[in-house]
C-alpha cells in the first residue's frame, strides 16, 4: 500500500514538473491542469499523470544541442 502511494505521488510529481518546465508555470497551476485533464477524460489523477509522462518520453527526444547545453548547465552548478 505504501509503495503504491509513493509510486502514485512520484508519477503525479513528474507530470507536474514536466508541465512546470514546458509552460513556465507554478506547481499549483500544473496540478490544476492535471485535474482539468482527468475531468475531461474521466480517469484517475495517477493515470493521466502516467499517460502524460509516457507520451513525453516517447514523443519528445531531447535534441543533441539541447542535451549538450543542459549537460554544461548541470556541470556548471
PDB file of N, CA and C in Angstrom:
ATOM      1  N   UNK A   1       0.821  -1.195   0.000  1.00  0.00           N
ATOM      2  CA  UNK A   1       0.000   0.000   0.000  1.00  0.00           C
ATOM      3  C   UNK A   1       0.863   1.258   0.000  1.00  0.00           C
ATOM      4  N   UNK A   2       1.887   1.295   0.852  1.00  0.00           N
ATOM      5  CA  UNK A   2       2.774   2.450   0.924  1.00  0.00           C
ATOM      6  C   UNK A   2       3.536   2.617  -0.388  1.00  0.00           C
ATOM      7  N   UNK A   3       3.995   1.509  -0.965  1.00  0.00           N
ATOM      8  CA  UNK A   3       4.707   1.577  -2.243  1.00  0.00           C
ATOM      9  C   UNK A   3       3.807   2.115  -3.345  1.00  0.00           C
ATOM     10  N   UNK A   4       2.553   1.714  -3.332  1.00  0.00           N
ATOM     11  CA  UNK A   4       1.603   2.184  -4.346  1.00  0.00           C
ATOM     12  C   UNK A   4       1.361   3.679  -4.213  1.00  0.00           C
ATOM     13  N   UNK A   5       1.222   4.154  -2.994  1.00  0.00           N
ATOM     14  CA  UNK A   5       1.020   5.585  -2.754  1.00  0.00           C
ATOM     15  C   UNK A   5       2.255   6.361  -3.196  1.00  0.00           C
ATOM     16  N   UNK A   6       3.425   5.862  -2.854  1.00  0.00           N
ATOM     17  CA  UNK A   6       4.671   6.514  -3.237  1.00  0.00           C
ATOM     18  C   UNK A   6       4.825   6.562  -4.746  1.00  0.00           C
ATOM     19  N   UNK A   7       4.507   5.476  -5.409  1.00  0.00           N
ATOM     20  CA  UNK A   7       4.583   5.418  -6.870  1.00  0.00           C
ATOM     21  C   UNK A   7       3.603   6.388  -7.503  1.00  0.00           C
ATOM     22  N   UNK A   8       2.413   6.467  -6.945  1.00  0.00           N
ATOM     23  CA  UNK A   8       1.395   7.375  -7.456  1.00  0.00           C
ATOM     24  C   UNK A   8       1.842   8.825  -7.308  1.00  0.00           C
ATOM     25  N   UNK A   9       2.370   9.158  -6.138  1.00  0.00           N
ATOM     26  CA  UNK A   9       2.857  10.524  -5.911  1.00  0.00           C
ATOM     27  C   UNK A   9       3.999  10.862  -6.855  1.00  0.00           C
ATOM     28  N   UNK A  10       4.881   9.889  -7.080  1.00  0.00           N
ATOM     29  CA  UNK A  10       6.003  10.108  -7.985  1.00  0.00           C
ATOM     30  C   UNK A  10       5.542  10.411  -9.396  1.00  0.00           C
ATOM     31  N   UNK A  11       4.557   9.669  -9.875  1.00  0.00           N
ATOM     32  CA  UNK A  11       4.028   9.878 -11.223  1.00  0.00           C
ATOM     33  C   UNK A  11       3.386  11.258 -11.342  1.00  0.00           C
ATOM     34  N   UNK A  12       2.654  11.646 -10.323  1.00  0.00           N
ATOM     35  CA  UNK A  12       1.983  12.947 -10.330  1.00  0.00           C
ATOM     36  C   UNK A  12       3.006  14.074 -10.284  1.00  0.00           C
ATOM     37  N   UNK A  13       3.994  13.944  -9.415  1.00  0.00           N
ATOM     38  CA  UNK A  13       5.029  14.979  -9.313  1.00  0.00           C
ATOM     39  C   UNK A  13       5.815  15.104 -10.615  1.00  0.00           C
ATOM     40  N   UNK A  14       6.122  13.978 -11.242  1.00  0.00           N
ATOM     41  CA  UNK A  14       6.857  14.013 -12.509  1.00  0.00           C
ATOM     42  C   UNK A  14       6.048  14.752 -13.575  1.00  0.00           C
ATOM     43  N   UNK A  15       4.772  14.459 -13.670  1.00  0.00           N
ATOM     44  CA  UNK A  15       3.916  15.129 -14.648  1.00  0.00           C
ATOM     45  C   UNK A  15       3.827  16.627 -14.350  1.00  0.00           C
ATOM     46  N   UNK A  16       3.702  16.977 -13.070  1.00  0.00           N
ATOM     47  CA  UNK A  16       3.647  18.387 -12.697  1.00  0.00           C
ATOM     48  C   UNK A  16       4.920  19.110 -13.108  1.00  0.00           C
ATOM     49  N   UNK A  17       6.058  18.506 -12.841  1.00  0.00           N
ATOM     50  CA  UNK A  17       7.333  19.140 -13.188  1.00  0.00           C
ATOM     51  C   UNK A  17       7.455  19.327 -14.701  1.00  0.00           C
ATOM     52  N   UNK A  18       7.023  18.350 -15.460  1.00  0.00           N
ATOM     53  CA  UNK A  18       7.053  18.493 -16.921  1.00  0.00           C
ATOM     54  C   UNK A  18       6.233  19.703 -17.355  1.00  0.00           C
ATOM     55  N   UNK A  19       5.032  19.831 -16.810  1.00  0.00           N
ATOM     56  CA  UNK A  19       4.182  20.973 -17.147  1.00  0.00           C
ATOM     57  C   UNK A  19       4.817  22.286 -16.700  1.00  0.00           C
ATOM     58  N   UNK A  20       5.410  22.293 -15.513  1.00  0.00           N
ATOM     59  CA  UNK A  20       6.037  23.497 -14.997  1.00  0.00           C
ATOM     60  C   UNK A  20       7.174  23.965 -15.894  1.00  0.00           C
ATOM     61  N   UNK A  21       7.993  23.027 -16.344  1.00  0.00           N
ATOM     62  CA  UNK A  21       9.135  23.381 -17.195  1.00  0.00           C
ATOM     63  C   UNK A  21       8.671  23.857 -18.561  1.00  0.00           C
ATOM     64  N   UNK A  22       7.786  23.106 -19.179  1.00  0.00           N
ATOM     65  CA  UNK A  22       7.357  23.435 -20.540  1.00  0.00           C
ATOM     66  C   UNK A  22       6.582  24.746 -20.589  1.00  0.00           C
ATOM     67  N   UNK A  23       5.687  24.961 -19.619  1.00  0.00           N
ATOM     68  CA  UNK A  23       4.837  26.150 -19.650  1.00  0.00           C
ATOM     69  C   UNK A  23       5.319  27.283 -18.750  1.00  0.00           C
ATOM     70  N   UNK A  24       6.343  27.028 -17.942  1.00  0.00           N
ATOM     71  CA  UNK A  24       6.844  28.071 -17.047  1.00  0.00           C
ATOM     72  C   UNK A  24       5.798  28.482 -16.025  1.00  0.00           C
ATOM     73  N   UNK A  25       5.128  27.501 -15.439  1.00  0.00           N
ATOM     74  CA  UNK A  25       4.032  27.772 -14.510  1.00  0.00           C
ATOM     75  C   UNK A  25       4.364  27.239 -13.116  1.00  0.00           C
ATOM     76  N   UNK A  26       3.539  27.591 -12.159  1.00  0.00           N
ATOM     77  CA  UNK A  26       3.730  27.133 -10.784  1.00  0.00           C
ATOM     78  C   UNK A  26       3.269  25.691 -10.626  1.00  0.00           C
ATOM     79  N   UNK A  27       3.664  25.096  -9.504  1.00  0.00           N
ATOM     80  CA  UNK A  27       3.234  23.734  -9.195  1.00  0.00           C
ATOM     81  C   UNK A  27       1.714  23.674  -9.049  1.00  0.00           C
ATOM     82  N   UNK A  28       1.140  24.700  -8.467  1.00  0.00           N
ATOM     83  CA  UNK A  28      -0.307  24.737  -8.274  1.00  0.00           C
ATOM     84  C   UNK A  28      -1.037  24.770  -9.608  1.00  0.00           C
ATOM     85  N   UNK A  29      -0.550  25.582 -10.529  1.00  0.00           N
ATOM     86  CA  UNK A  29      -1.173  25.678 -11.861  1.00  0.00           C
ATOM     87  C   UNK A  29      -1.012  24.360 -12.618  1.00  0.00           C
ATOM     88  N   UNK A  30       0.151  23.742 -12.505  1.00  0.00           N
ATOM     89  CA  UNK A  30       0.380  22.452 -13.164  1.00  0.00           C
ATOM     90  C   UNK A  30      -0.597  21.406 -12.633  1.00  0.00           C
ATOM     91  N   UNK A  31      -0.816  21.416 -11.325  1.00  0.00           N
ATOM     92  CA  UNK A  31      -1.770  20.489 -10.717  1.00  0.00           C
ATOM     93  C   UNK A  31      -3.177  20.766 -11.237  1.00  0.00           C
ATOM     94  N   UNK A  32      -3.529  22.039 -11.368  1.00  0.00           N
ATOM     95  CA  UNK A  32      -4.843  22.405 -11.909  1.00  0.00           C
ATOM     96  C   UNK A  32      -5.026  21.851 -13.322  1.00  0.00           C
ATOM     97  N   UNK A  33      -3.979  21.902 -14.119  1.00  0.00           N
ATOM     98  CA  UNK A  33      -4.051  21.376 -15.489  1.00  0.00           C
ATOM     99  C   UNK A  33      -4.271  19.866 -15.475  1.00  0.00           C
ATOM    100  N   UNK A  34      -3.568  19.169 -14.599  1.00  0.00           N
ATOM    101  CA  UNK A  34      -3.773  17.723 -14.486  1.00  0.00           C
ATOM    102  C   UNK A  34      -5.207  17.404 -14.056  1.00  0.00           C
ATOM    103  N   UNK A  35      -5.732  18.171 -13.122  1.00  0.00           N
ATOM    104  CA  UNK A  35      -7.111  17.972 -12.667  1.00  0.00           C
ATOM    105  C   UNK A  35      -8.077  18.216 -13.827  1.00  0.00           C
ATOM    106  N   UNK A  36      -7.845  19.259 -14.589  1.00  0.00           N
ATOM    107  CA  UNK A  36      -8.689  19.563 -15.749  1.00  0.00           C
ATOM    108  C   UNK A  36      -8.704  18.398 -16.731  1.00  0.00           C
ATOM    109  N   UNK A  37      -7.513  17.825 -17.009  1.00  0.00           N
ATOM    110  CA  UNK A  37      -7.447  16.712 -17.958  1.00  0.00           C
ATOM    111  C   UNK A  37      -8.135  15.466 -17.417  1.00  0.00           C
ATOM    112  N   UNK A  38      -7.973  15.178 -16.139  1.00  0.00           N
ATOM    113  CA  UNK A  38      -8.617  13.973 -15.607  1.00  0.00           C
ATOM    114  C   UNK A  38     -10.129  14.129 -15.634  1.00  0.00           C
ATOM    115  N   UNK A  39     -10.613  15.342 -15.418  1.00  0.00           N
ATOM    116  CA  UNK A  39     -12.054  15.570 -15.501  1.00  0.00           C
ATOM    117  C   UNK A  39     -12.553  15.420 -16.930  1.00  0.00           C
ATOM    118  N   UNK A  40     -11.745  15.860 -17.900  1.00  0.00           N
ATOM    119  CA  UNK A  40     -12.113  15.732 -19.309  1.00  0.00           C
ATOM    120  C   UNK A  40     -12.136  14.266 -19.749  1.00  0.00           C
ATOM    121  N   UNK A  41     -11.178  13.488 -19.242  1.00  0.00           N
ATOM    122  CA  UNK A  41     -11.038  12.085 -19.649  1.00  0.00           C
ATOM    123  C   UNK A  41     -11.761  11.112 -18.728  1.00  0.00           C
ATOM    124  N   UNK A  42     -12.193  11.614 -17.575  1.00  0.00           N
ATOM    125  CA  UNK A  42     -12.869  10.785 -16.577  1.00  0.00           C
ATOM    126  C   UNK A  42     -11.987   9.607 -16.142  1.00  0.00           C
ATOM    127  N   UNK A  43     -10.745   9.926 -15.773  1.00  0.00           N
ATOM    128  CA  UNK A  43      -9.798   8.926 -15.285  1.00  0.00           C
ATOM    129  C   UNK A  43      -9.188   9.424 -13.978  1.00  0.00           C
ATOM    130  N   UNK A  44      -8.407   8.589 -13.340  1.00  0.00           N
ATOM    131  CA  UNK A  44      -7.756   8.958 -12.084  1.00  0.00           C
ATOM    132  C   UNK A  44      -6.531   9.831 -12.345  1.00  0.00           C
ATOM    133  N   UNK A  45      -6.170  10.596 -11.330  1.00  0.00           N
ATOM    134  CA  UNK A  45      -5.029  11.506 -11.420  1.00  0.00           C
ATOM    135  C   UNK A  45      -3.749  10.744 -11.765  1.00  0.00           C
ATOM    136  N   UNK A  46      -3.538   9.623 -11.120  1.00  0.00           N
ATOM    137  CA  UNK A  46      -2.338   8.835 -11.403  1.00  0.00           C
ATOM    138  C   UNK A  46      -2.303   8.415 -12.871  1.00  0.00           C
ATOM    139  N   UNK A  47      -3.439   8.005 -13.399  1.00  0.00           N
ATOM    140  CA  UNK A  47      -3.486   7.529 -14.784  1.00  0.00           C
ATOM    141  C   UNK A  47      -3.162   8.644 -15.774  1.00  0.00           C
ATOM    142  N   UNK A  48      -3.752   9.815 -15.600  1.00  0.00           N
ATOM    143  CA  UNK A  48      -3.467  10.912 -16.517  1.00  0.00           C
ATOM    144  C   UNK A  48      -2.007  11.350 -16.381  1.00  0.00           C
ATOM    145  N   UNK A  49      -1.464  11.300 -15.177  1.00  0.00           N
ATOM    146  CA  UNK A  49      -0.064  11.664 -14.951  1.00  0.00           C
ATOM    147  C   UNK A  49       0.874  10.675 -15.626  1.00  0.00           C
ATOM    148  N   UNK A  50       0.593   9.391 -15.481  1.00  0.00           N
ATOM    149  CA  UNK A  50       1.419   8.362 -16.112  1.00  0.00           C
ATOM    150  C   UNK A  50       1.330   8.446 -17.630  1.00  0.00           C
ATOM    151  N   UNK A  51       0.143   8.727 -18.156  1.00  0.00           N
ATOM    152  CA  UNK A  51      -0.018   8.846 -19.605  1.00  0.00           C
ATOM    153  C   UNK A  51       0.778  10.028 -20.146  1.00  0.00           C
ATOM    154  N   UNK A  52       0.723  11.156 -19.442  1.00  0.00           N
ATOM    155  CA  UNK A  52       1.482  12.332 -19.878  1.00  0.00           C
ATOM    156  C   UNK A  52       2.976  12.030 -19.881  1.00  0.00           C
ATOM    157  N   UNK A  53       3.468  11.455 -18.810  1.00  0.00           N
ATOM    158  CA  UNK A  53       4.897  11.145 -18.718  1.00  0.00           C
ATOM    159  C   UNK A  53       5.328  10.174 -19.805  1.00  0.00           C
ATOM    160  N   UNK A  54       4.529   9.165 -20.056  1.00  0.00           N
ATOM    161  CA  UNK A  54       4.867   8.184 -21.089  1.00  0.00           C
ATOM    162  C   UNK A  54       4.886   8.826 -22.468  1.00  0.00           C
ATOM    163  N   UNK A  55       3.913   9.686 -22.754  1.00  0.00           N
ATOM    164  CA  UNK A  55       3.866  10.346 -24.062  1.00  0.00           C
ATOM    165  C   UNK A  55       5.032  11.302 -24.253  1.00  0.00           C
ATOM    166  N   UNK A  56       5.389  12.014 -23.188  1.00  0.00           N
ATOM    167  CA  UNK A  56       6.522  12.940 -23.286  1.00  0.00           C
ATOM    168  C   UNK A  56       7.802  12.162 -23.578  1.00  0.00           C
ATOM    169  N   UNK A  57       8.017  11.062 -22.855  1.00  0.00           N
ATOM    170  CA  UNK A  57       9.218  10.256 -23.092  1.00  0.00           C
ATOM    171  C   UNK A  57       9.233   9.686 -24.504  1.00  0.00           C
ATOM    172  N   UNK A  58       8.094   9.280 -25.011  1.00  0.00           N
ATOM    173  CA  UNK A  58       8.022   8.669 -26.340  1.00  0.00           C
ATOM    174  C   UNK A  58       8.105   9.693 -27.467  1.00  0.00           C
ATOM    175  N   UNK A  59       7.497  10.851 -27.271  1.00  0.00           N
ATOM    176  CA  UNK A  59       7.340  11.811 -28.366  1.00  0.00           C
ATOM    177  C   UNK A  59       8.361  12.943 -28.391  1.00  0.00           C
ATOM    178  N   UNK A  60       9.004  13.208 -27.252  1.00  0.00           N
ATOM    179  CA  UNK A  60       9.914  14.346 -27.172  1.00  0.00           C
ATOM    180  C   UNK A  60      11.321  13.893 -26.843  1.00  0.00           C
ATOM    181  N   UNK A  61      12.095  13.630 -27.868  1.00  0.00           N
ATOM    182  CA  UNK A  61      13.505  13.291 -27.643  1.00  0.00           C
ATOM    183  C   UNK A  61      14.285  14.601 -27.541  1.00  0.00           C
ATOM    184  N   UNK A  62      15.163  14.685 -26.559  1.00  0.00           N
ATOM    185  CA  UNK A  62      15.991  15.887 -26.453  1.00  0.00           C
ATOM    186  C   UNK A  62      16.936  15.966 -27.634  1.00  0.00           C
ATOM    187  N   UNK A  63      16.931  17.072 -28.277  1.00  0.00           N
ATOM    188  CA  UNK A  63      17.849  17.274 -29.388  1.00  0.00           C
ATOM    189  C   UNK A  63      19.270  17.335 -28.850  1.00  0.00           C
ATOM    190  N   UNK A  64      20.227  16.895 -29.673  1.00  0.00           N
ATOM    191  CA  UNK A  64      21.617  16.852 -29.243  1.00  0.00           C
ATOM    192  C   UNK A  64      22.114  18.171 -28.687  1.00  0.00           C
ATOM    193  N   UNK A  65      21.793  19.275 -29.329  1.00  0.00           N
ATOM    194  CA  UNK A  65      22.239  20.582 -28.868  1.00  0.00           C
ATOM    195  C   UNK A  65      21.649  20.960 -27.530  1.00  0.00           C
ATOM    196  N   UNK A  66      20.390  20.678 -27.340  1.00  0.00           N
ATOM    197  CA  UNK A  66      19.733  20.996 -26.081  1.00  0.00           C
ATOM    198  C   UNK A  66      20.286  20.135 -24.949  1.00  0.00           C
ATOM    199  N   UNK A  67      20.489  18.879 -25.237  1.00  0.00           N
ATOM    200  CA  UNK A  67      21.054  17.990 -24.215  1.00  0.00           C
ATOM    201  C   UNK A  67      22.459  18.453 -23.836  1.00  0.00           C
ATOM    202  N   UNK A  68      23.236  18.849 -24.811  1.00  0.00           N
ATOM    203  CA  UNK A  68      24.590  19.334 -24.551  1.00  0.00           C
ATOM    204  C   UNK A  68      24.559  20.602 -23.698  1.00  0.00           C
ATOM    205  N   UNK A  69      23.645  21.511 -24.013  1.00  0.00           N
ATOM    206  CA  UNK A  69      23.510  22.726 -23.220  1.00  0.00           C
ATOM    207  C   UNK A  69      23.123  22.395 -21.785  1.00  0.00           C
ATOM    208  N   UNK A  70      22.224  21.460 -21.630  1.00  0.00           N
ATOM    209  CA  UNK A  70      21.802  21.051 -20.287  1.00  0.00           C
ATOM    210  C   UNK A  70      22.961  20.409 -19.530  1.00  0.00           C
ATOM    211  N   UNK A  71      23.734  19.588 -20.231  1.00  0.00           N
ATOM    212  CA  UNK A  71      24.912  18.976 -19.608  1.00  0.00           C
ATOM    213  C   UNK A  71      25.857  20.045 -19.072  1.00  0.00           C
ATOM    214  N   UNK A  72      26.103  21.063 -19.869  1.00  0.00           N
ATOM    215  CA  UNK A  72      27.001  22.127 -19.462  1.00  0.00           C
ATOM    216  C   UNK A  72      26.439  22.891 -18.271  1.00  0.00           C
ATOM    217  N   UNK A  73      25.136  23.151 -18.306  1.00  0.00           N
ATOM    218  CA  UNK A  73      24.498  23.834 -17.188  1.00  0.00           C
ATOM    219  C   UNK A  73      24.633  23.012 -15.927  1.00  0.00           C
ATOM    220  N   UNK A  74      24.383  21.730 -16.020  1.00  0.00           N
ATOM    221  CA  UNK A  74      24.473  20.849 -14.858  1.00  0.00           C
ATOM    222  C   UNK A  74      25.894  20.788 -14.316  1.00  0.00           C
ATOM    223  N   UNK A  75      26.865  20.682 -15.208  1.00  0.00           N
ATOM    224  CA  UNK A  75      28.269  20.621 -14.786  1.00  0.00           C
ATOM    225  C   UNK A  75      28.747  21.938 -14.182  1.00  0.00           C
ATOM    226  N   UNK A  76      28.082  23.037 -14.538  1.00  0.00           N
ATOM    227  CA  UNK A  76      28.463  24.344 -14.022  1.00  0.00           C
ATOM    228  C   UNK A  76      27.881  24.676 -12.663  1.00  0.00           C
ATOM    229  N   UNK A  77      27.060  23.781 -12.135  1.00  0.00           N
ATOM    230  CA  UNK A  77      26.450  24.040 -10.817  1.00  0.00           C
ATOM    231  C   UNK A  77      27.455  23.916  -9.702  1.00  0.00           C
TER     232      UNK A  77
END
